Amino acid sequence: MSRRHGATEVGGDADGAAASREPAALLRFDVVERCAHWANALLFAVLVATALPLYFPAVEGAVGRRALVAEIHLWAGLAWPVPLCVSLAGPWGAQLRQDLRRLNRWSGEELRWLRSAGRLHVAGERADKFNPGQKLNAAFTAGVVVVMLVSGSILKWFAAFPLSWRTGATFVHDLLAWLVVVVVAGHVLFAVTHPQSLRSMVTGRIDATWARRHAGRWAAERLGPAREASAERAAAERTAAAGPTAPPTTEPAR
């Protein structure tokens, strides 16, 4: 009885040691995803900076060189989707493609959050790597890039399009530009007030405790293999500590 009890204690200690060897941080974004994100952010900053002189005469008067500013704005807009496309193009974009599939996958609870206009809270072990707000933001951004490219192209090469198209493109381009600025400002505010999330887009890693609390479903996927590896190491250590098993001996017959 005592031997069995002792074995149970050893097994419990080993399990606790295995759990303690779980990684303290999880890889949330790899280097390709981080480069794509910051390249996109840089291009957006250039677009906003060059749009100001084009929209506000007072800023144009201070900056001058409207033709050059307009040219920079044009090429920054055409380059806007390039970092994402390059990141997705080759084998280096495997994790980014996986994350895009996650962004396009909505659980029943997330759809209820959408129908409740955000009043339903989705967190803890039910939450995925990206929350519903982040999924909406990703869908909005993808749509905006396409619409801004099309409307901006109509404004630049207007001779090929009828007047009604040019008028509509001007309205859509201007309206979406203001809307994007508001959404990005909210995105930046969210990042500044959530330092763990911001740090993960800089270093790529997120604290495992934070992940369990805010993205439990994704954390369980990532920590599951780590737990299995830790358990295997603990079992190997127990076997090594026990030493070789002596063969059974029998007394000679008399």
Foldseek 3Di string as FASTA:
>chain_A
DVVVVVVVVLVVVLLVQLVVPFDQKDQLDDPLRLVLVVLLVVLLVLLVVLVVVVVDVVVCVVVPPNVVSVVSNLVSLVCNCVSVCVCCPDPNNPVVVVVVVVLVDDDPQLVVCVVVVNPDDQFAQRAASDHSVVSVVVVVVVVLSVLLNVLVVCCVPVVVDDPVSVVVSVVVNVVVSVVVVVVVVVVVVVCVVVVQVVVCSVVSMHGLVVCNTGHNNHSCVVRVVSSVVSSVVSVVVVVVVVPDDDDDDDDDDD
